[in-house]
Amino acid sequence: MEARWRCKDGSLIDVELTVSPVYGPDGAQVGASAIARDVTEIQRLKAAAAAERERLLAAQEMAHVGSVEYTVATGETWHSEEFSRIIGRAEEAVHSRDSMLELTHPEDQDPVRQVWKSLDNGADAADFEYRIIRADGEQRWLHSRVRSVKVPGGKPLRFLDTVLDITERKDAEQILEWQARHDALTGLPNRYMITEVLQSCIDRAPARW
């Protein structure tokens, strides 16, 4: 058990207490023994780490950035609340690689598999974009930045994935791309698009001498 004790000087310390029964020759319990260990510094470090994680998660929520940690040996996955909101899944759902591939747009599944394969084979990091289809049918664009944490021998120990929803940026890029190739008044293809299509046809046409 854990307890808090007051020292003679009035200060408080955190103590980890292990209590065991003591038996006599006849097998009857005659008392108990206790071992106390001062864990004040350990508890302080745990509290500081927990507070730091809370600040990180709060910052991620404000920036709409999710995070995922994947442990290679056990397959255990941890994810932030913001990541659950981004992909539209319940917080308690386990977001494994397989479950994420199920959400991934069919056209992007193979590229995503290739990225994870390169990480499993020793790549230090990966930076890629892909689409997901949420449970409600909405399509979202995500940007993942994965960093590999390795053991001294170079084998991957776990992967840290930072996920950003870039749907609004992608939508804006598509609008700008359409505007660059169409007349703003009529909506018809403009000279730039016509020239681009003609050049593509010329490039594909067989050479004639």
C-alpha atoms as a PDB file:
ATOM      1  CA  MET A   1       0.000   0.000   0.000  1.00  0.00           C
ATOM      2  CA  GLU A   2       0.982   3.652  -0.302  1.00  0.00           C
ATOM      3  CA  ALA A   3       0.723   6.118   2.547  1.00  0.00           C
ATOM      4  CA  ARG A   4       1.824   9.592   3.560  1.00  0.00           C
ATOM      5  CA  TRP A   5       3.828   9.915   6.751  1.00  0.00           C
ATOM      6  CA  ARG A   6       4.810  12.906   8.812  1.00  0.00           C
ATOM      7  CA  CYS A   7       8.480  13.062   9.869  1.00  0.00           C
ATOM      8  CA  LYS A   8       9.732  14.344  13.227  1.00  0.00           C
ATOM      9  CA  ASP A   9      10.603  17.688  11.641  1.00  0.00           C
ATOM     10  CA  GLY A  10       6.992  18.069  10.476  1.00  0.00           C
ATOM     11  CA  SER A  11       7.640  17.377   6.784  1.00  0.00           C
ATOM     12  CA  LEU A  12       5.494  14.909   4.826  1.00  0.00           C
ATOM     13  CA  ILE A  13       6.874  12.015   2.783  1.00  0.00           C
ATOM     14  CA  ASP A  14       5.266   9.430   0.497  1.00  0.00           C
ATOM     15  CA  VAL A  15       5.883   5.869   1.631  1.00  0.00           C
ATOM     16  CA  GLU A  16       5.397   2.532  -0.108  1.00  0.00           C
ATOM     17  CA  LEU A  17       4.560   0.038   2.645  1.00  0.00           C
ATOM     18  CA  THR A  18       4.785  -3.746   2.318  1.00  0.00           C
ATOM     19  CA  VAL A  19       3.240  -5.677   5.240  1.00  0.00           C
ATOM     20  CA  SER A  20       3.644  -9.443   5.669  1.00  0.00           C
ATOM     21  CA  PRO A  21       2.356 -11.818   8.363  1.00  0.00           C
ATOM     22  CA  VAL A  22       4.790 -13.592  10.692  1.00  0.00           C
ATOM     23  CA  TYR A  23       3.983 -17.174  11.759  1.00  0.00           C
ATOM     24  CA  GLY A  24       5.188 -19.203  14.742  1.00  0.00           C
ATOM     25  CA  PRO A  25       6.464 -22.814  14.739  1.00  0.00           C
ATOM     26  CA  ASP A  26       2.918 -24.099  15.050  1.00  0.00           C
ATOM     27  CA  GLY A  27       1.777 -22.172  11.976  1.00  0.00           C
ATOM     28  CA  ALA A  28      -0.239 -19.639  13.893  1.00  0.00           C
ATOM     29  CA  GLN A  29       0.210 -15.969  13.084  1.00  0.00           C
ATOM     30  CA  VAL A  30       2.167 -14.281  15.848  1.00  0.00           C
ATOM     31  CA  GLY A  31       2.668 -10.844  14.317  1.00  0.00           C
ATOM     32  CA  ALA A  32       3.518  -8.916  11.194  1.00  0.00           C
ATOM     33  CA  SER A  33       6.563  -7.338   9.596  1.00  0.00           C
ATOM     34  CA  ALA A  34       6.640  -4.166   7.523  1.00  0.00           C
ATOM     35  CA  ILE A  35       9.069  -2.692   5.035  1.00  0.00           C
ATOM     36  CA  ALA A  36       8.735   1.021   4.304  1.00  0.00           C
ATOM     37  CA  ARG A  37      10.355   2.735   1.324  1.00  0.00           C
ATOM     38  CA  ASP A  38      10.511   6.486   0.796  1.00  0.00           C
ATOM     39  CA  VAL A  39       9.034   7.126  -2.668  1.00  0.00           C
ATOM     40  CA  THR A  40       8.585  10.882  -2.340  1.00  0.00           C
ATOM     41  CA  GLU A  41      10.873  11.717  -5.276  1.00  0.00           C
ATOM     42  CA  ILE A  42       9.322   9.008  -7.467  1.00  0.00           C
ATOM     43  CA  GLN A  43       5.831  10.353  -6.758  1.00  0.00           C
ATOM     44  CA  ARG A  44       6.994  13.894  -7.499  1.00  0.00           C
ATOM     45  CA  LEU A  45       8.412  12.819 -10.863  1.00  0.00           C
ATOM     46  CA  LYS A  46       5.214  10.916 -11.696  1.00  0.00           C
ATOM     47  CA  ALA A  47       3.091  13.960 -10.874  1.00  0.00           C
ATOM     48  CA  ALA A  48       5.347  16.212 -12.968  1.00  0.00           C
ATOM     49  CA  ALA A  49       5.159  13.797 -15.924  1.00  0.00           C
ATOM     50  CA  ALA A  50       1.359  13.588 -15.631  1.00  0.00           C
ATOM     51  CA  ALA A  51       1.074  17.382 -15.522  1.00  0.00           C
ATOM     52  CA  GLU A  52       3.326  17.707 -18.568  1.00  0.00           C
ATOM     53  CA  ARG A  53       1.233  15.201 -20.500  1.00  0.00           C
ATOM     54  CA  GLU A  54      -1.947  17.085 -19.558  1.00  0.00           C
ATOM     55  CA  ARG A  55      -0.437  20.335 -20.852  1.00  0.00           C
ATOM     56  CA  LEU A  56       0.620  18.596 -24.057  1.00  0.00           C
ATOM     57  CA  LEU A  57      -2.839  17.111 -24.617  1.00  0.00           C
ATOM     58  CA  ALA A  58      -4.474  20.492 -23.948  1.00  0.00           C
ATOM     59  CA  ALA A  59      -2.168  22.136 -26.501  1.00  0.00           C
ATOM     60  CA  GLN A  60      -2.943  19.402 -29.036  1.00  0.00           C
ATOM     61  CA  GLU A  61      -6.662  19.876 -28.527  1.00  0.00           C
ATOM     62  CA  MET A  62      -6.402  23.615 -29.152  1.00  0.00           C
ATOM     63  CA  ALA A  63      -4.300  23.013 -32.275  1.00  0.00           C
ATOM     64  CA  HIS A  64      -6.510  20.081 -33.423  1.00  0.00           C
ATOM     65  CA  VAL A  65      -3.516  17.735 -33.407  1.00  0.00           C
ATOM     66  CA  GLY A  66      -3.853  14.123 -32.283  1.00  0.00           C
ATOM     67  CA  SER A  67      -1.153  11.744 -31.107  1.00  0.00           C
ATOM     68  CA  VAL A  68      -0.715   7.971 -31.163  1.00  0.00           C
ATOM     69  CA  GLU A  69       1.905   5.740 -29.549  1.00  0.00           C
ATOM     70  CA  TYR A  70       2.386   2.189 -30.836  1.00  0.00           C
ATOM     71  CA  THR A  71       4.523  -0.369 -28.950  1.00  0.00           C
ATOM     72  CA  VAL A  72       6.034  -2.890 -31.369  1.00  0.00           C
ATOM     73  CA  ALA A  73       6.600  -5.844 -28.995  1.00  0.00           C
ATOM     74  CA  THR A  74       3.095  -5.910 -27.497  1.00  0.00           C
ATOM     75  CA  GLY A  75       1.059  -4.219 -30.205  1.00  0.00           C
ATOM     76  CA  GLU A  76      -0.325  -1.935 -27.491  1.00  0.00           C
ATOM     77  CA  THR A  77      -1.667   1.373 -28.775  1.00  0.00           C
ATOM     78  CA  TRP A  78      -2.303   4.597 -26.879  1.00  0.00           C
ATOM     79  CA  HIS A  79      -4.056   7.593 -28.448  1.00  0.00           C
ATOM     80  CA  SER A  80      -5.106  11.053 -27.319  1.00  0.00           C
ATOM     81  CA  GLU A  81      -8.697  12.254 -27.034  1.00  0.00           C
ATOM     82  CA  GLU A  82      -8.135  14.711 -29.878  1.00  0.00           C
ATOM     83  CA  PHE A  83      -7.107  11.844 -32.170  1.00  0.00           C
ATOM     84  CA  SER A  84     -10.421  10.119 -31.406  1.00  0.00           C
ATOM     85  CA  ARG A  85     -12.286  13.294 -32.293  1.00  0.00           C
ATOM     86  CA  ILE A  86     -10.354  13.678 -35.551  1.00  0.00           C
ATOM     87  CA  ILE A  87     -11.215  10.194 -36.818  1.00  0.00           C
ATOM     88  CA  GLY A  88     -14.727  10.205 -35.367  1.00  0.00           C
ATOM     89  CA  ARG A  89     -14.335   7.179 -33.115  1.00  0.00           C
ATOM     90  CA  ALA A  90     -15.144   6.659 -29.431  1.00  0.00           C
ATOM     91  CA  GLU A  91     -12.281   7.449 -27.070  1.00  0.00           C
ATOM     92  CA  GLU A  92     -12.265   3.915 -25.662  1.00  0.00           C
ATOM     93  CA  ALA A  93     -11.908   2.301 -29.102  1.00  0.00           C
ATOM     94  CA  VAL A  94      -8.514   0.728 -29.793  1.00  0.00           C
ATOM     95  CA  HIS A  95      -7.041   2.391 -32.875  1.00  0.00           C
ATOM     96  CA  SER A  96      -4.681  -0.305 -34.112  1.00  0.00           C
ATOM     97  CA  ARG A  97      -3.077  -0.317 -37.544  1.00  0.00           C
ATOM     98  CA  ASP A  98      -5.773  -2.658 -38.850  1.00  0.00           C
ATOM     99  CA  SER A  99      -8.607  -0.482 -37.558  1.00  0.00           C
ATOM    100  CA  MET A 100      -6.964   2.601 -39.084  1.00  0.00           C
ATOM    101  CA  LEU A 101      -6.593   0.833 -42.428  1.00  0.00           C
ATOM    102  CA  GLU A 102     -10.310   0.072 -42.316  1.00  0.00           C
ATOM    103  CA  LEU A 103     -10.949   3.816 -42.024  1.00  0.00           C
ATOM    104  CA  THR A 104      -8.419   4.718 -44.732  1.00  0.00           C
ATOM    105  CA  HIS A 105      -9.713   5.568 -48.202  1.00  0.00           C
ATOM    106  CA  PRO A 106      -9.338   2.486 -50.481  1.00  0.00           C
ATOM    107  CA  GLU A 107      -7.063   4.412 -52.874  1.00  0.00           C
ATOM    108  CA  ASP A 108      -4.702   5.333 -50.024  1.00  0.00           C
ATOM    109  CA  GLN A 109      -4.489   1.979 -48.231  1.00  0.00           C
ATOM    110  CA  ASP A 110      -1.539   0.571 -50.220  1.00  0.00           C
ATOM    111  CA  PRO A 111       0.587   3.746 -49.856  1.00  0.00           C
ATOM    112  CA  VAL A 112      -0.082   3.737 -46.097  1.00  0.00           C
ATOM    113  CA  ARG A 113       0.921   0.063 -45.891  1.00  0.00           C
ATOM    114  CA  GLN A 114       4.178   0.886 -47.684  1.00  0.00           C
ATOM    115  CA  VAL A 115       4.942   3.657 -45.191  1.00  0.00           C
ATOM    116  CA  TRP A 116       4.467   1.365 -42.196  1.00  0.00           C
ATOM    117  CA  LYS A 117       6.507  -1.351 -43.888  1.00  0.00           C
ATOM    118  CA  SER A 118       9.429   1.058 -44.293  1.00  0.00           C
ATOM    119  CA  LEU A 119       9.167   2.016 -40.611  1.00  0.00           C
ATOM    120  CA  ASP A 120       9.104  -1.645 -39.548  1.00  0.00           C
ATOM    121  CA  ASN A 121      12.204  -2.203 -41.668  1.00  0.00           C
ATOM    122  CA  GLY A 122      14.144   0.490 -39.847  1.00  0.00           C
ATOM    123  CA  ALA A 123      13.230   3.889 -41.304  1.00  0.00           C
ATOM    124  CA  ASP A 124      13.720   6.651 -38.733  1.00  0.00           C
ATOM    125  CA  ALA A 125      10.658   8.708 -39.665  1.00  0.00           C
ATOM    126  CA  ALA A 126       7.813   9.120 -42.127  1.00  0.00           C
ATOM    127  CA  ASP A 127       5.795  12.108 -43.290  1.00  0.00           C
ATOM    128  CA  PHE A 128       2.686  11.392 -45.387  1.00  0.00           C
ATOM    129  CA  GLU A 129      -0.876  12.436 -46.212  1.00  0.00           C
ATOM    130  CA  TYR A 130      -3.908  10.207 -46.662  1.00  0.00           C
ATOM    131  CA  ARG A 131      -7.688  10.228 -46.571  1.00  0.00           C
ATOM    132  CA  ILE A 132     -10.003   8.544 -44.096  1.00  0.00           C
ATOM    133  CA  ILE A 133     -13.737   7.891 -44.264  1.00  0.00           C
ATOM    134  CA  ARG A 134     -15.383   8.410 -40.879  1.00  0.00           C
ATOM    135  CA  ALA A 135     -18.283   6.343 -39.566  1.00  0.00           C
ATOM    136  CA  ASP A 136     -20.718   9.062 -40.654  1.00  0.00           C
ATOM    137  CA  GLY A 137     -19.402   8.833 -44.232  1.00  0.00           C
ATOM    138  CA  GLU A 138     -17.471  12.112 -44.123  1.00  0.00           C
ATOM    139  CA  GLN A 139     -14.106  12.111 -45.889  1.00  0.00           C
ATOM    140  CA  ARG A 140     -11.194  13.823 -44.105  1.00  0.00           C
ATOM    141  CA  TRP A 141      -7.574  14.448 -45.086  1.00  0.00           C
ATOM    142  CA  LEU A 142      -4.935  13.636 -42.458  1.00  0.00           C
ATOM    143  CA  HIS A 143      -1.236  14.427 -42.246  1.00  0.00           C
ATOM    144  CA  SER A 144       0.797  11.936 -40.188  1.00  0.00           C
ATOM    145  CA  ARG A 145       4.338  12.504 -38.978  1.00  0.00           C
ATOM    146  CA  VAL A 146       5.762   9.311 -37.458  1.00  0.00           C
ATOM    147  CA  ARG A 147       9.000   9.050 -35.508  1.00  0.00           C
ATOM    148  CA  SER A 148      10.607   5.709 -34.635  1.00  0.00           C
ATOM    149  CA  VAL A 149      12.068   5.133 -31.152  1.00  0.00           C
ATOM    150  CA  LYS A 150      14.664   2.363 -31.345  1.00  0.00           C
ATOM    151  CA  VAL A 151      16.600   0.109 -28.971  1.00  0.00           C
ATOM    152  CA  PRO A 152      20.436   0.417 -29.002  1.00  0.00           C
ATOM    153  CA  GLY A 153      20.682  -2.283 -31.696  1.00  0.00           C
ATOM    154  CA  GLY A 154      18.544  -0.225 -34.072  1.00  0.00           C
ATOM    155  CA  LYS A 155      15.369  -2.306 -33.847  1.00  0.00           C
ATOM    156  CA  PRO A 156      12.126  -0.284 -33.568  1.00  0.00           C
ATOM    157  CA  LEU A 157      10.777  -0.162 -30.015  1.00  0.00           C
ATOM    158  CA  ARG A 158       7.747   2.048 -30.545  1.00  0.00           C
ATOM    159  CA  PHE A 159       6.373   4.625 -32.975  1.00  0.00           C
ATOM    160  CA  LEU A 160       5.182   8.120 -32.085  1.00  0.00           C
ATOM    161  CA  ASP A 161       2.611   9.453 -34.553  1.00  0.00           C
ATOM    162  CA  THR A 162       1.420  13.069 -34.668  1.00  0.00           C
ATOM    163  CA  VAL A 163      -1.782  13.447 -36.688  1.00  0.00           C
ATOM    164  CA  LEU A 164      -3.173  16.708 -38.084  1.00  0.00           C
ATOM    165  CA  ASP A 165      -6.520  17.183 -39.831  1.00  0.00           C
ATOM    166  CA  ILE A 166      -5.672  19.092 -43.040  1.00  0.00           C
ATOM    167  CA  THR A 167      -9.079  18.804 -44.731  1.00  0.00           C
ATOM    168  CA  GLU A 168      -9.659  22.560 -44.879  1.00  0.00           C
ATOM    169  CA  ARG A 169      -6.231  23.124 -46.435  1.00  0.00           C
ATOM    170  CA  LYS A 170      -6.835  20.413 -49.042  1.00  0.00           C
ATOM    171  CA  ASP A 171     -10.254  21.861 -49.891  1.00  0.00           C
ATOM    172  CA  ALA A 172      -8.681  25.306 -50.354  1.00  0.00           C
ATOM    173  CA  GLU A 173      -5.959  23.829 -52.606  1.00  0.00           C
ATOM    174  CA  GLN A 174      -8.580  22.135 -54.783  1.00  0.00           C
ATOM    175  CA  ILE A 175     -10.534  25.393 -55.107  1.00  0.00           C
ATOM    176  CA  LEU A 176      -7.393  27.299 -56.106  1.00  0.00           C
ATOM    177  CA  GLU A 177      -6.459  24.578 -58.588  1.00  0.00           C
ATOM    178  CA  TRP A 178      -9.924  24.713 -60.172  1.00  0.00           C
ATOM    179  CA  GLN A 179      -9.830  28.518 -60.343  1.00  0.00           C
ATOM    180  CA  ALA A 180      -6.420  28.400 -62.044  1.00  0.00           C
ATOM    181  CA  ARG A 181      -7.842  26.260 -64.856  1.00  0.00           C
ATOM    182  CA  HIS A 182     -11.334  27.732 -65.334  1.00  0.00           C
ATOM    183  CA  ASP A 183     -12.835  31.060 -66.291  1.00  0.00           C
ATOM    184  CA  ALA A 184     -14.219  32.790 -63.195  1.00  0.00           C
ATOM    185  CA  LEU A 185     -17.295  34.111 -65.057  1.00  0.00           C
ATOM    186  CA  THR A 186     -18.377  31.149 -67.191  1.00  0.00           C
ATOM    187  CA  GLY A 187     -16.768  28.258 -65.334  1.00  0.00           C
ATOM    188  CA  LEU A 188     -15.410  26.916 -68.637  1.00  0.00           C
ATOM    189  CA  PRO A 189     -11.825  25.679 -69.042  1.00  0.00           C
ATOM    190  CA  ASN A 190      -9.479  28.610 -69.647  1.00  0.00           C
ATOM    191  CA  ARG A 191      -6.476  28.945 -71.976  1.00  0.00           C
ATOM    192  CA  TYR A 192      -4.109  27.494 -69.385  1.00  0.00           C
ATOM    193  CA  MET A 193      -6.114  24.268 -69.033  1.00  0.00           C
ATOM    194  CA  ILE A 194      -6.661  23.906 -72.788  1.00  0.00           C
ATOM    195  CA  THR A 195      -2.928  24.352 -73.405  1.00  0.00           C
ATOM    196  CA  GLU A 196      -2.152  21.811 -70.701  1.00  0.00           C
ATOM    197  CA  VAL A 197      -4.536  19.225 -72.203  1.00  0.00           C
ATOM    198  CA  LEU A 198      -3.199  19.768 -75.732  1.00  0.00           C
ATOM    199  CA  GLN A 199       0.383  19.430 -74.558  1.00  0.00           C
ATOM    200  CA  SER A 200      -0.504  16.184 -72.777  1.00  0.00           C
ATOM    201  CA  CYS A 201      -2.060  14.823 -75.990  1.00  0.00           C
ATOM    202  CA  ILE A 202       1.018  15.807 -77.986  1.00  0.00           C
ATOM    203  CA  ASP A 203       3.309  14.124 -75.457  1.00  0.00           C
ATOM    204  CA  ARG A 204       1.311  10.871 -75.689  1.00  0.00           C
ATOM    205  CA  ALA A 205       1.019  10.876 -79.473  1.00  0.00           C
ATOM    206  CA  PRO A 206       3.486   8.598 -81.362  1.00  0.00           C
ATOM    207  CA  ALA A 207       6.253  10.416 -83.155  1.00  0.00           C
ATOM    208  CA  ARG A 208       5.863  10.676 -86.959  1.00  0.00           C
ATOM    209  CA  TRP A 209       8.818  11.276 -89.232  1.00  0.00           C
END
